C-alpha cells in the first residue's frame, strides 16, 4: 500500500475540511483505499490518501493535483507540500 500526504494551511476562519463531494471524487479514483483529514492545533491540516499500489498512486497524481488545487482555492487554503510514501505497517486496533 502507498500513501499521499498533503499539508495545508487553512484560512483562519476555516477548518479546511473537504466537502463530501471532494471525498467522493477521491474515493472514486481507481485504487484509492481511503482518505483521512486531520486538523492540527497550529493552523495546519493534513490529508492522507491510501492507494492499493504504486501504479494506482502514480495514476492518480494528475487528477489528485486538480482536486487539491480546486479544493484549496474553494476553502482558501495554502498547499504547503505533497509527499508520497510506501506504507510499511498498517494496523487498526479492534
Protein backbone atom coordinates (compact mmCIF):
# COMPACT_ATOMS: atom_id res chain seq x y z
CA UNK A 1 0.00 0.00 0.00
CA UNK A 2 1.08 3.59 -0.67
CA UNK A 3 0.06 6.96 0.76
CA UNK A 4 -0.02 10.55 -0.41
CA UNK A 5 0.18 13.16 2.35
CA UNK A 6 -0.76 16.76 1.56
CA UNK A 7 -0.10 19.53 4.08
CA UNK A 8 -2.26 22.67 4.12
CA UNK A 9 -2.66 25.94 5.98
CA UNK A 10 -6.38 26.67 6.20
CA UNK A 11 -7.71 30.21 6.32
CA UNK A 12 -8.08 31.47 9.91
CA UNK A 13 -11.89 31.10 9.82
CA UNK A 14 -11.90 27.60 8.29
CA UNK A 15 -11.00 24.03 9.23
CA UNK A 16 -10.33 23.35 5.56
CA UNK A 17 -12.31 20.12 5.83
CA UNK A 18 -13.10 18.70 2.40
CA UNK A 19 -16.68 18.58 1.18
CA UNK A 20 -18.43 15.25 0.78
CA UNK A 21 -18.21 15.81 -2.99
CA UNK A 22 -14.42 16.11 -2.76
CA UNK A 23 -14.18 12.98 -0.61
CA UNK A 24 -16.35 11.08 -3.10
CA UNK A 25 -14.17 12.21 -6.01
CA UNK A 26 -11.03 10.98 -4.28
CA UNK A 27 -12.58 7.67 -3.18
CA UNK A 28 -13.80 7.15 -6.75
CA UNK A 29 -10.27 7.16 -8.17
CA UNK A 30 -9.02 3.71 -9.22
CA UNK A 31 -7.03 2.05 -6.47
CA UNK A 32 -7.96 4.51 -3.72
CA UNK A 33 -8.45 2.66 -0.42
CA UNK A 34 -9.30 5.54 1.89
CA UNK A 35 -8.84 9.11 3.00
CA UNK A 36 -8.11 10.78 6.33
CA UNK A 37 -8.22 14.50 7.03
CA UNK A 38 -6.50 15.84 10.15
CA UNK A 39 -6.64 19.32 11.64
CA UNK A 40 -3.67 20.36 13.75
CA UNK A 41 -3.55 22.90 16.57
CA UNK A 42 -1.03 25.15 14.81
CA UNK A 43 -3.34 26.06 11.90
CA UNK A 44 -2.13 23.26 9.67
CA UNK A 45 -4.00 20.28 8.31
CA UNK A 46 -3.14 17.04 6.54
CA UNK A 47 -4.93 14.86 4.07
CA UNK A 48 -3.77 11.27 3.82
CA UNK A 49 -4.95 9.14 0.94
CA UNK A 50 -4.20 5.43 0.75
CA UNK A 51 -3.62 3.53 -2.50
CA UNK A 52 -3.55 -0.16 -3.46
CA UNK A 53 -0.16 0.01 -5.12
CA UNK A 54 2.42 2.30 -6.66
CA UNK A 55 0.68 2.20 -10.06
CA UNK A 56 -2.58 3.44 -8.53
CA UNK A 57 -0.70 6.18 -6.68
CA UNK A 58 1.11 7.28 -9.83
CA UNK A 59 -2.03 7.04 -11.96
CA UNK A 60 -3.92 9.33 -9.59
CA UNK A 61 -1.37 12.17 -9.49
CA UNK A 62 -2.80 14.36 -12.23
CA UNK A 63 -6.42 14.13 -11.05
CA UNK A 64 -5.39 14.43 -7.38
CA UNK A 65 -3.42 17.59 -8.23
CA UNK A 66 -6.52 19.08 -9.88
CA UNK A 67 -8.80 18.13 -6.96
CA UNK A 68 -6.27 19.54 -4.47
CA UNK A 69 -5.98 22.82 -6.39
CA UNK A 70 -9.75 23.25 -6.74
CA UNK A 71 -10.45 22.35 -3.12
CA UNK A 72 -7.72 24.55 -1.70
CA UNK A 73 -8.97 27.52 -3.77
CA UNK A 74 -12.58 26.96 -2.63
CA UNK A 75 -11.54 26.55 1.02
CA UNK A 76 -8.98 29.40 0.90
CA UNK A 77 -6.15 27.07 1.92
CA UNK A 78 -2.48 27.24 1.09
CA UNK A 79 -0.92 23.95 -0.05
CA UNK A 80 2.34 23.64 1.89
CA UNK A 81 3.52 20.35 0.44
CA UNK A 82 2.69 16.98 -1.07
CA UNK A 83 4.69 13.83 -0.34
CA UNK A 84 4.29 10.17 -1.24
CA UNK A 85 5.14 7.19 0.95
CA UNK A 86 5.35 3.44 0.93
CA UNK A 87 3.18 2.23 3.82
CA UNK A 88 5.37 -0.21 5.74
CA UNK A 89 2.93 -1.05 8.53
CA UNK A 90 -0.83 -0.85 8.75
CA UNK A 91 -2.87 -1.93 11.70
CA UNK A 92 -6.00 -0.71 13.43
CA UNK A 93 -6.97 -1.97 16.84
CA UNK A 94 -10.43 -3.56 17.03
